Amino acid sequence: MGTGDAGTVDAGTVDRTLTGERADLAQTLAKHRDFLRFTTRDITDEQAAQRTTVSELCLGGIIKHVTGVERNWARFIVEGPSTRRSWEDAEGVQEWLDGFRMLPGETLAGLLDDYAAAARQTDDLLATLPDLDASRPLPEAPWYEPGARWSARRVLLHVIAETSQHAGHADIIRETIDGAKTMG
């Protein structure tokens, strides 16, 4: 997809020189990103900010959240757990909550541009990582097993799963807004 253009599907960020597992990871991630972006086609900023359920989720917020997920996990691959805020940090909790909603002044086009930039960074990282088996200890949090480590591969699989899951959420929200469907 072109930057800020949610109306077409184009896995143009995939490095065509990648082969094997790296190509599979890149193509799978690109496909799920495209599903998510396609869900936002032809909607206004107001629709992108609209909550259609009791949760905080909105289309723009989902794009914003997945952007943050990609950035944070890519930084984790490179820099380790010190890049992750403590789950008990009040400022971090507020930032996390704001990551699910469109704040005043944010636009869908701007969020999509930021998502495209994060995707390029992740794609570049995937193409240049020396070793997908290299692992880092996960930060301490109640949802991680104490002492657990994730390889770069596992992190990328997690990013794919998050993107796919949130593309499904976005599809439901979009259908609620105007009946348009992405995946059916």
N, C-alpha and C. Protein backbone atom coordinates (compact mmCIF):
# COMPACT_ATOMS: atom_id res chain seq x y z
N MET A 1 0.84 -1.18 0.00
CA MET A 1 0.00 0.00 0.00
C MET A 1 0.87 1.23 0.00
N GLY A 2 0.44 2.22 -0.65
CA GLY A 2 1.14 3.49 -0.61
C GLY A 2 0.95 4.14 0.74
N THR A 3 1.84 4.96 1.13
CA THR A 3 1.74 5.62 2.41
C THR A 3 0.46 6.44 2.50
N GLY A 4 -0.31 6.17 3.54
CA GLY A 4 -1.55 6.90 3.75
C GLY A 4 -2.69 6.47 2.84
N ASP A 5 -2.46 5.48 1.98
CA ASP A 5 -3.48 5.03 1.04
C ASP A 5 -3.98 3.67 1.50
N ALA A 6 -5.15 3.63 2.10
CA ALA A 6 -5.68 2.38 2.61
C ALA A 6 -6.58 1.70 1.59
N GLY A 7 -6.68 2.20 0.40
CA GLY A 7 -7.61 1.66 -0.57
C GLY A 7 -7.05 0.58 -1.46
N THR A 8 -5.77 0.32 -1.41
CA THR A 8 -5.19 -0.72 -2.24
C THR A 8 -4.34 -1.65 -1.39
N VAL A 9 -4.18 -2.86 -1.86
CA VAL A 9 -3.35 -3.82 -1.15
C VAL A 9 -2.10 -4.05 -1.97
N ASP A 10 -0.95 -3.82 -1.37
CA ASP A 10 0.32 -3.98 -2.05
C ASP A 10 1.38 -4.28 -1.00
N ALA A 11 1.93 -5.46 -1.04
CA ALA A 11 2.95 -5.85 -0.08
C ALA A 11 4.31 -5.31 -0.53
N GLY A 12 4.35 -4.05 -0.94
CA GLY A 12 5.53 -3.44 -1.52
C GLY A 12 6.70 -3.31 -0.57
N THR A 13 6.50 -3.45 0.74
CA THR A 13 7.61 -3.30 1.66
C THR A 13 8.42 -4.58 1.79
N VAL A 14 7.96 -5.68 1.19
CA VAL A 14 8.68 -6.94 1.33
C VAL A 14 9.94 -6.91 0.48
N ASP A 15 11.06 -7.23 1.10
CA ASP A 15 12.34 -7.31 0.39
C ASP A 15 12.32 -8.56 -0.46
N ARG A 16 12.27 -8.38 -1.76
CA ARG A 16 12.16 -9.51 -2.69
C ARG A 16 13.42 -10.34 -2.75
N THR A 17 14.52 -9.90 -2.14
CA THR A 17 15.74 -10.70 -2.14
C THR A 17 15.78 -11.68 -0.98
N LEU A 18 14.83 -11.57 -0.05
CA LEU A 18 14.78 -12.50 1.06
C LEU A 18 14.37 -13.88 0.55
N THR A 19 14.89 -14.91 1.19
CA THR A 19 14.53 -16.27 0.83
C THR A 19 14.21 -17.06 2.09
N GLY A 20 13.66 -18.22 1.90
CA GLY A 20 13.42 -19.14 3.00
C GLY A 20 12.54 -18.57 4.09
N GLU A 21 12.95 -18.84 5.31
CA GLU A 21 12.17 -18.44 6.49
C GLU A 21 11.97 -16.93 6.56
N ARG A 22 12.99 -16.17 6.25
CA ARG A 22 12.86 -14.71 6.32
C ARG A 22 11.82 -14.22 5.31
N ALA A 23 11.81 -14.77 4.12
CA ALA A 23 10.81 -14.39 3.12
C ALA A 23 9.41 -14.77 3.61
N ASP A 24 9.29 -15.94 4.20
CA ASP A 24 7.98 -16.37 4.72
C ASP A 24 7.49 -15.42 5.82
N LEU A 25 8.36 -15.08 6.74
CA LEU A 25 7.98 -14.15 7.82
C LEU A 25 7.59 -12.79 7.25
N ALA A 26 8.40 -12.28 6.33
CA ALA A 26 8.13 -10.95 5.75
C ALA A 26 6.82 -10.95 4.97
N GLN A 27 6.58 -11.98 4.18
CA GLN A 27 5.36 -12.02 3.37
C GLN A 27 4.13 -12.21 4.24
N THR A 28 4.23 -13.02 5.28
CA THR A 28 3.08 -13.22 6.18
C THR A 28 2.76 -11.93 6.92
N LEU A 29 3.77 -11.26 7.42
CA LEU A 29 3.54 -10.00 8.12
C LEU A 29 2.95 -8.97 7.17
N ALA A 30 3.47 -8.88 5.96
CA ALA A 30 2.95 -7.92 4.97
C ALA A 30 1.48 -8.20 4.65
N LYS A 31 1.12 -9.46 4.53
CA LYS A 31 -0.27 -9.82 4.22
C LYS A 31 -1.23 -9.35 5.32
N HIS A 32 -0.84 -9.58 6.56
CA HIS A 32 -1.71 -9.20 7.67
C HIS A 32 -1.75 -7.69 7.88
N ARG A 33 -0.63 -7.02 7.62
CA ARG A 33 -0.64 -5.55 7.63
C ARG A 33 -1.61 -5.02 6.58
N ASP A 34 -1.55 -5.61 5.39
CA ASP A 34 -2.43 -5.16 4.31
C ASP A 34 -3.90 -5.35 4.66
N PHE A 35 -4.25 -6.49 5.28
CA PHE A 35 -5.63 -6.70 5.73
C PHE A 35 -6.04 -5.58 6.68
N LEU A 36 -5.17 -5.28 7.64
CA LEU A 36 -5.49 -4.25 8.62
C LEU A 36 -5.66 -2.88 7.96
N ARG A 37 -4.71 -2.51 7.12
CA ARG A 37 -4.79 -1.21 6.45
C ARG A 37 -6.02 -1.12 5.54
N PHE A 38 -6.32 -2.20 4.84
CA PHE A 38 -7.45 -2.22 3.92
C PHE A 38 -8.77 -1.97 4.66
N THR A 39 -8.83 -2.39 5.91
CA THR A 39 -10.03 -2.18 6.72
C THR A 39 -10.35 -0.71 6.88
N THR A 40 -9.36 0.16 6.78
CA THR A 40 -9.58 1.59 7.00
C THR A 40 -9.88 2.35 5.70
N ARG A 41 -10.02 1.66 4.58
CA ARG A 41 -10.25 2.32 3.30
C ARG A 41 -11.54 3.15 3.34
N ASP A 42 -11.46 4.32 2.74
CA ASP A 42 -12.63 5.18 2.50
C ASP A 42 -13.39 5.58 3.76
N ILE A 43 -12.71 5.70 4.90
CA ILE A 43 -13.41 6.20 6.09
C ILE A 43 -12.82 7.55 6.50
N THR A 44 -13.61 8.28 7.23
CA THR A 44 -13.20 9.60 7.71
C THR A 44 -12.44 9.47 9.03
N ASP A 45 -11.81 10.54 9.44
CA ASP A 45 -11.15 10.55 10.75
C ASP A 45 -12.16 10.30 11.87
N GLU A 46 -13.34 10.86 11.72
CA GLU A 46 -14.38 10.67 12.74
C GLU A 46 -14.77 9.20 12.84
N GLN A 47 -14.92 8.53 11.70
CA GLN A 47 -15.24 7.11 11.72
C GLN A 47 -14.07 6.30 12.30
N ALA A 48 -12.86 6.69 11.96
CA ALA A 48 -11.68 5.99 12.47
C ALA A 48 -11.57 6.10 13.98
N ALA A 49 -12.10 7.17 14.56
CA ALA A 49 -12.05 7.38 16.01
C ALA A 49 -13.27 6.82 16.72
N GLN A 50 -14.25 6.35 15.98
CA GLN A 50 -15.53 5.91 16.55
C GLN A 50 -15.38 4.58 17.29
N ARG A 51 -15.88 4.56 18.52
CA ARG A 51 -15.95 3.32 19.31
C ARG A 51 -17.30 2.69 19.03
N THR A 52 -17.28 1.42 18.66
CA THR A 52 -18.52 0.73 18.33
C THR A 52 -18.87 -0.35 19.34
N THR A 53 -18.01 -0.54 20.34
CA THR A 53 -18.24 -1.52 21.40
C THR A 53 -17.95 -0.84 22.73
N VAL A 54 -18.09 -1.58 23.81
CA VAL A 54 -17.82 -1.02 25.13
C VAL A 54 -16.33 -0.83 25.38
N SER A 55 -15.49 -1.44 24.55
CA SER A 55 -14.05 -1.28 24.72
C SER A 55 -13.60 0.06 24.16
N GLU A 56 -12.33 0.38 24.36
CA GLU A 56 -11.74 1.60 23.83
C GLU A 56 -11.37 1.47 22.35
N LEU A 57 -11.49 0.28 21.80
CA LEU A 57 -11.01 0.04 20.44
C LEU A 57 -11.76 0.85 19.39
N CYS A 58 -10.98 1.42 18.50
CA CYS A 58 -11.49 2.08 17.30
C CYS A 58 -10.49 1.79 16.20
N LEU A 59 -10.86 2.00 14.96
CA LEU A 59 -9.96 1.65 13.86
C LEU A 59 -8.63 2.41 13.94
N GLY A 60 -8.69 3.70 14.19
CA GLY A 60 -7.46 4.46 14.30
C GLY A 60 -6.62 4.00 15.49
N GLY A 61 -7.27 3.68 16.58
CA GLY A 61 -6.57 3.20 17.76
C GLY A 61 -5.90 1.86 17.53
N ILE A 62 -6.54 1.00 16.75
CA ILE A 62 -5.93 -0.29 16.43
C ILE A 62 -4.68 -0.08 15.58
N ILE A 63 -4.77 0.80 14.58
CA ILE A 63 -3.59 1.10 13.77
C ILE A 63 -2.47 1.63 14.67
N LYS A 64 -2.83 2.53 15.55
CA LYS A 64 -1.85 3.13 16.47
C LYS A 64 -1.24 2.08 17.39
N HIS A 65 -2.06 1.19 17.90
CA HIS A 65 -1.58 0.14 18.80
C HIS A 65 -0.62 -0.80 18.09
N VAL A 66 -1.00 -1.25 16.91
CA VAL A 66 -0.15 -2.19 16.18
C VAL A 66 1.17 -1.52 15.77
N THR A 67 1.14 -0.24 15.49
CA THR A 67 2.36 0.51 15.21
C THR A 67 3.29 0.45 16.41
N GLY A 68 2.75 0.73 17.58
CA GLY A 68 3.53 0.68 18.81
C GLY A 68 4.06 -0.72 19.10
N VAL A 69 3.23 -1.73 18.86
CA VAL A 69 3.66 -3.12 19.06
C VAL A 69 4.88 -3.41 18.20
N GLU A 70 4.80 -3.08 16.92
CA GLU A 70 5.95 -3.33 16.03
C GLU A 70 7.19 -2.61 16.50
N ARG A 71 7.05 -1.34 16.81
CA ARG A 71 8.21 -0.56 17.22
C ARG A 71 8.83 -1.10 18.51
N ASN A 72 7.99 -1.38 19.48
CA ASN A 72 8.50 -1.83 20.77
C ASN A 72 9.19 -3.18 20.68
N TRP A 73 8.60 -4.11 19.94
CA TRP A 73 9.20 -5.43 19.83
C TRP A 73 10.46 -5.38 18.96
N ALA A 74 10.50 -4.54 17.94
CA ALA A 74 11.72 -4.40 17.14
C ALA A 74 12.85 -3.86 18.01
N ARG A 75 12.53 -2.88 18.84
CA ARG A 75 13.55 -2.36 19.77
C ARG A 75 14.01 -3.43 20.75
N PHE A 76 13.07 -4.27 21.19
CA PHE A 76 13.42 -5.37 22.09
C PHE A 76 14.42 -6.31 21.42
N ILE A 77 14.19 -6.65 20.15
CA ILE A 77 15.11 -7.54 19.42
C ILE A 77 16.51 -6.95 19.42
N VAL A 78 16.62 -5.66 19.20
CA VAL A 78 17.92 -5.01 19.06
C VAL A 78 18.55 -4.68 20.42
N GLU A 79 17.74 -4.16 21.35
CA GLU A 79 18.30 -3.60 22.58
C GLU A 79 17.99 -4.40 23.84
N GLY A 80 17.06 -5.33 23.77
CA GLY A 80 16.72 -6.14 24.93
C GLY A 80 15.63 -5.56 25.80
N PRO A 81 15.41 -6.15 26.97
CA PRO A 81 14.27 -5.79 27.81
C PRO A 81 14.33 -4.41 28.43
N SER A 82 15.50 -3.80 28.47
CA SER A 82 15.61 -2.47 29.07
C SER A 82 14.80 -1.43 28.29
N THR A 83 14.42 -1.73 27.05
CA THR A 83 13.65 -0.80 26.23
C THR A 83 12.18 -0.82 26.59
N ARG A 84 11.75 -1.82 27.34
CA ARG A 84 10.34 -1.96 27.67
C ARG A 84 10.06 -1.30 29.01
N ARG A 85 9.00 -0.50 29.05
CA ARG A 85 8.60 0.13 30.31
C ARG A 85 8.07 -0.92 31.26
N SER A 86 8.22 -0.67 32.53
CA SER A 86 7.66 -1.55 33.53
C SER A 86 6.14 -1.52 33.43
N TRP A 87 5.53 -2.66 33.57
CA TRP A 87 4.08 -2.74 33.52
C TRP A 87 3.44 -2.02 34.71
N GLU A 88 4.23 -1.71 35.73
CA GLU A 88 3.72 -1.00 36.90
C GLU A 88 3.89 0.51 36.80
N ASP A 89 4.56 1.00 35.76
CA ASP A 89 4.84 2.42 35.57
C ASP A 89 3.55 3.15 35.16
N ALA A 90 3.06 4.06 36.01
CA ALA A 90 1.79 4.74 35.75
C ALA A 90 1.81 5.50 34.42
N GLU A 91 2.93 6.16 34.10
CA GLU A 91 3.02 6.88 32.84
C GLU A 91 2.94 5.90 31.66
N GLY A 92 3.58 4.75 31.83
CA GLY A 92 3.53 3.73 30.80
C GLY A 92 2.13 3.17 30.62
N VAL A 93 1.39 3.02 31.71
CA VAL A 93 0.01 2.52 31.63
C VAL A 93 -0.85 3.51 30.87
N GLN A 94 -0.71 4.80 31.16
CA GLN A 94 -1.50 5.81 30.45
C GLN A 94 -1.14 5.84 28.97
N GLU A 95 0.15 5.75 28.68
CA GLU A 95 0.60 5.71 27.29
C GLU A 95 0.00 4.49 26.58
N TRP A 96 -0.02 3.35 27.26
CA TRP A 96 -0.59 2.13 26.69
C TRP A 96 -2.08 2.32 26.42
N LEU A 97 -2.81 2.90 27.39
CA LEU A 97 -4.24 3.13 27.20
C LEU A 97 -4.50 4.10 26.04
N ASP A 98 -3.72 5.17 25.95
CA ASP A 98 -3.86 6.14 24.85
C ASP A 98 -3.53 5.51 23.51
N GLY A 99 -2.77 4.42 23.52
CA GLY A 99 -2.40 3.74 22.29
C GLY A 99 -3.55 3.01 21.62
N PHE A 100 -4.70 2.96 22.26
CA PHE A 100 -5.87 2.30 21.68
C PHE A 100 -6.92 3.28 21.18
N ARG A 101 -6.63 4.58 21.30
CA ARG A 101 -7.62 5.58 20.87
C ARG A 101 -6.95 6.67 20.06
N MET A 102 -7.75 7.34 19.26
CA MET A 102 -7.25 8.50 18.53
C MET A 102 -7.39 9.71 19.43
N LEU A 103 -6.32 10.41 19.62
CA LEU A 103 -6.32 11.59 20.46
C LEU A 103 -6.57 12.83 19.62
N PRO A 104 -6.99 13.92 20.25
CA PRO A 104 -7.21 15.15 19.48
C PRO A 104 -5.98 15.51 18.64
N GLY A 105 -6.23 15.86 17.39
CA GLY A 105 -5.16 16.23 16.48
C GLY A 105 -4.60 15.08 15.66
N GLU A 106 -4.90 13.85 16.05
CA GLU A 106 -4.43 12.71 15.27
C GLU A 106 -5.38 12.47 14.10
N THR A 107 -4.82 12.07 12.98
CA THR A 107 -5.61 11.75 11.79
C THR A 107 -5.33 10.33 11.36
N LEU A 108 -6.27 9.74 10.66
CA LEU A 108 -6.06 8.40 10.15
C LEU A 108 -4.88 8.38 9.18
N ALA A 109 -4.79 9.37 8.31
CA ALA A 109 -3.67 9.42 7.37
C ALA A 109 -2.33 9.47 8.11
N GLY A 110 -2.26 10.26 9.16
CA GLY A 110 -1.03 10.34 9.94
C GLY A 110 -0.69 9.03 10.63
N LEU A 111 -1.71 8.37 11.18
CA LEU A 111 -1.49 7.08 11.83
C LEU A 111 -1.05 6.03 10.82
N LEU A 112 -1.64 6.04 9.64
CA LEU A 112 -1.25 5.09 8.59
C LEU A 112 0.18 5.35 8.11
N ASP A 113 0.55 6.61 8.00
CA ASP A 113 1.93 6.95 7.62
C ASP A 113 2.91 6.43 8.68
N ASP A 114 2.57 6.63 9.94
CA ASP A 114 3.44 6.17 11.03
C ASP A 114 3.53 4.65 11.02
N TYR A 115 2.42 3.97 10.75
CA TYR A 115 2.42 2.52 10.66
C TYR A 115 3.32 2.05 9.51
N ALA A 116 3.25 2.72 8.37
CA ALA A 116 4.10 2.36 7.23
C ALA A 116 5.58 2.53 7.60
N ALA A 117 5.90 3.59 8.34
CA ALA A 117 7.29 3.80 8.75
C ALA A 117 7.75 2.70 9.71
N ALA A 118 6.90 2.33 10.66
CA ALA A 118 7.25 1.25 11.59
C ALA A 118 7.42 -0.06 10.83
N ALA A 119 6.57 -0.31 9.86
CA ALA A 119 6.66 -1.54 9.07
C ALA A 119 7.98 -1.59 8.30
N ARG A 120 8.38 -0.47 7.72
CA ARG A 120 9.67 -0.43 7.00
C ARG A 120 10.83 -0.74 7.94
N GLN A 121 10.75 -0.20 9.16
CA GLN A 121 11.83 -0.45 10.13
C GLN A 121 11.89 -1.93 10.50
N THR A 122 10.73 -2.54 10.73
CA THR A 122 10.69 -3.96 11.06
C THR A 122 11.19 -4.79 9.89
N ASP A 123 10.76 -4.44 8.68
CA ASP A 123 11.20 -5.17 7.48
C ASP A 123 12.71 -5.07 7.30
N ASP A 124 13.26 -3.89 7.52
CA ASP A 124 14.71 -3.71 7.43
C ASP A 124 15.43 -4.55 8.48
N LEU A 125 14.87 -4.58 9.68
CA LEU A 125 15.47 -5.38 10.74
C LEU A 125 15.45 -6.85 10.37
N LEU A 126 14.32 -7.35 9.89
CA LEU A 126 14.22 -8.75 9.49
C LEU A 126 15.25 -9.08 8.42
N ALA A 127 15.44 -8.18 7.48
CA ALA A 127 16.38 -8.43 6.37
C ALA A 127 17.83 -8.41 6.83
N THR A 128 18.13 -7.71 7.92
CA THR A 128 19.52 -7.53 8.31
C THR A 128 19.93 -8.24 9.59
N LEU A 129 18.99 -8.84 10.28
CA LEU A 129 19.35 -9.55 11.52
C LEU A 129 20.36 -10.64 11.22
N PRO A 130 21.44 -10.70 11.99
CA PRO A 130 22.42 -11.75 11.73
C PRO A 130 21.89 -13.15 12.08
N ASP A 131 20.99 -13.23 13.08
CA ASP A 131 20.58 -14.55 13.57
C ASP A 131 19.18 -14.48 14.16
N LEU A 132 18.24 -15.20 13.57
CA LEU A 132 16.87 -15.22 14.09
C LEU A 132 16.77 -16.00 15.41
N ASP A 133 17.80 -16.80 15.71
CA ASP A 133 17.80 -17.57 16.96
C ASP A 133 18.30 -16.76 18.16
N ALA A 134 18.91 -15.62 17.91
CA ALA A 134 19.41 -14.80 19.02
C ALA A 134 18.24 -14.44 19.93
N SER A 135 18.44 -14.61 21.23
CA SER A 135 17.33 -14.38 22.15
C SER A 135 17.69 -13.36 23.21
N ARG A 136 16.66 -12.83 23.80
CA ARG A 136 16.78 -11.84 24.88
C ARG A 136 15.86 -12.28 26.01
N PRO A 137 16.21 -11.94 27.24
CA PRO A 137 15.29 -12.23 28.34
C PRO A 137 14.09 -11.30 28.27
N LEU A 138 12.92 -11.86 28.52
CA LEU A 138 11.72 -11.03 28.56
C LEU A 138 11.74 -10.17 29.82
N PRO A 139 11.13 -9.00 29.76
CA PRO A 139 11.06 -8.18 30.98
C PRO A 139 10.17 -8.87 32.01
N GLU A 140 10.38 -8.51 33.24
CA GLU A 140 9.54 -9.08 34.30
C GLU A 140 8.13 -8.52 34.19
N ALA A 141 7.16 -9.42 34.14
CA ALA A 141 5.74 -9.05 34.09
C ALA A 141 4.94 -10.30 34.43
N PRO A 142 3.76 -10.14 35.00
CA PRO A 142 2.99 -11.32 35.43
C PRO A 142 2.56 -12.22 34.27
N TRP A 143 2.57 -11.71 33.04
CA TRP A 143 2.11 -12.52 31.90
C TRP A 143 3.25 -13.27 31.22
N TYR A 144 4.49 -13.09 31.68
CA TYR A 144 5.62 -13.84 31.14
C TYR A 144 6.12 -14.82 32.20
N GLU A 145 6.52 -15.99 31.76
CA GLU A 145 7.12 -16.95 32.67
C GLU A 145 8.44 -16.38 33.19
N PRO A 146 8.68 -16.45 34.49
CA PRO A 146 9.93 -15.91 35.04
C PRO A 146 11.14 -16.53 34.34
N GLY A 147 12.08 -15.70 33.94
CA GLY A 147 13.30 -16.15 33.30
C GLY A 147 13.16 -16.53 31.83
N ALA A 148 11.98 -16.32 31.25
CA ALA A 148 11.76 -16.70 29.85
C ALA A 148 12.56 -15.80 28.91
N ARG A 149 12.93 -16.37 27.79
CA ARG A 149 13.67 -15.67 26.74
C ARG A 149 12.89 -15.88 25.43
N TRP A 150 12.93 -14.86 24.58
CA TRP A 150 12.34 -14.99 23.24
C TRP A 150 13.41 -14.71 22.21
N SER A 151 13.44 -15.56 21.21
CA SER A 151 14.32 -15.33 20.07
C SER A 151 13.71 -14.25 19.18
N ALA A 152 14.53 -13.72 18.30
CA ALA A 152 14.03 -12.75 17.32
C ALA A 152 12.89 -13.37 16.52
N ARG A 153 13.03 -14.64 16.16
CA ARG A 153 11.98 -15.35 15.43
C ARG A 153 10.65 -15.33 16.22
N ARG A 154 10.74 -15.66 17.50
CA ARG A 154 9.54 -15.71 18.34
C ARG A 154 8.90 -14.33 18.43
N VAL A 155 9.71 -13.30 18.55
CA VAL A 155 9.19 -11.94 18.59
C VAL A 155 8.47 -11.61 17.29
N LEU A 156 9.07 -11.95 16.16
CA LEU A 156 8.42 -11.67 14.87
C LEU A 156 7.13 -12.45 14.72
N LEU A 157 7.10 -13.69 15.18
CA LEU A 157 5.86 -14.47 15.15
C LEU A 157 4.79 -13.81 16.03
N HIS A 158 5.22 -13.26 17.16
CA HIS A 158 4.30 -12.55 18.04
C HIS A 158 3.73 -11.30 17.35
N VAL A 159 4.57 -10.56 16.64
CA VAL A 159 4.11 -9.38 15.90
C VAL A 159 3.10 -9.79 14.82
N ILE A 160 3.37 -10.89 14.14
CA ILE A 160 2.42 -11.40 13.14
C ILE A 160 1.09 -11.75 13.80
N ALA A 161 1.14 -12.44 14.93
CA ALA A 161 -0.09 -12.82 15.63
C ALA A 161 -0.87 -11.59 16.09
N GLU A 162 -0.18 -10.61 16.66
CA GLU A 162 -0.84 -9.37 17.10
C GLU A 162 -1.50 -8.66 15.93
N THR A 163 -0.77 -8.56 14.82
CA THR A 163 -1.30 -7.87 13.65
C THR A 163 -2.53 -8.59 13.12
N SER A 164 -2.46 -9.90 13.03
CA SER A 164 -3.58 -10.70 12.55
C SER A 164 -4.79 -10.59 13.46
N GLN A 165 -4.57 -10.70 14.77
CA GLN A 165 -5.66 -10.60 15.73
C GLN A 165 -6.34 -9.24 15.64
N HIS A 166 -5.55 -8.19 15.54
CA HIS A 166 -6.13 -6.85 15.50
C HIS A 166 -6.76 -6.54 14.14
N ALA A 167 -6.29 -7.18 13.08
CA ALA A 167 -6.97 -7.05 11.78
C ALA A 167 -8.38 -7.62 11.88
N GLY A 168 -8.54 -8.70 12.60
CA GLY A 168 -9.88 -9.27 12.83
C GLY A 168 -10.76 -8.34 13.65
N HIS A 169 -10.18 -7.75 14.71
CA HIS A 169 -10.94 -6.77 15.50
C HIS A 169 -11.38 -5.61 14.61
N ALA A 170 -10.46 -5.12 13.80
CA ALA A 170 -10.76 -3.98 12.92
C ALA A 170 -11.87 -4.33 11.94
N ASP A 171 -11.85 -5.54 11.42
CA ASP A 171 -12.88 -5.97 10.48
C ASP A 171 -14.27 -5.90 11.12
N ILE A 172 -14.37 -6.34 12.35
CA ILE A 172 -15.66 -6.30 13.07
C ILE A 172 -16.08 -4.86 13.32
N ILE A 173 -15.14 -4.02 13.75
CA ILE A 173 -15.47 -2.61 14.00
C ILE A 173 -15.92 -1.94 12.70
N ARG A 174 -15.20 -2.18 11.62
CA ARG A 174 -15.57 -1.57 10.34
C ARG A 174 -16.96 -2.02 9.90
N GLU A 175 -17.25 -3.29 10.05
CA GLU A 175 -18.58 -3.78 9.67
C GLU A 175 -19.66 -3.10 10.51
N THR A 176 -19.37 -2.83 11.77
CA THR A 176 -20.32 -2.15 12.64
C THR A 176 -20.53 -0.69 12.21
N ILE A 177 -19.48 -0.06 11.73
CA ILE A 177 -19.57 1.36 11.33
C ILE A 177 -20.44 1.53 10.08
N ASP A 178 -20.15 0.75 9.04
CA ASP A 178 -20.87 0.99 7.78
C ASP A 178 -21.19 -0.26 6.97
N GLY A 179 -21.01 -1.43 7.55
CA GLY A 179 -21.32 -2.66 6.87
C GLY A 179 -20.23 -3.19 5.97
N ALA A 180 -19.17 -2.41 5.75
CA ALA A 180 -18.08 -2.87 4.88
C ALA A 180 -17.31 -3.98 5.57
N LYS A 181 -16.85 -4.94 4.78
CA LYS A 181 -16.10 -6.07 5.32
C LYS A 181 -14.76 -6.13 4.60
N THR A 182 -13.77 -6.60 5.32
CA THR A 182 -12.45 -6.79 4.75
C THR A 182 -12.24 -8.24 4.36
N MET A 183 -12.66 -9.12 5.22
CA MET A 183 -12.29 -10.52 5.07
C MET A 183 -13.47 -11.43 4.74
N GLY A 184 -14.60 -10.90 4.31
CA GLY A 184 -15.70 -11.82 4.07
C GLY A 184 -16.77 -11.28 3.19
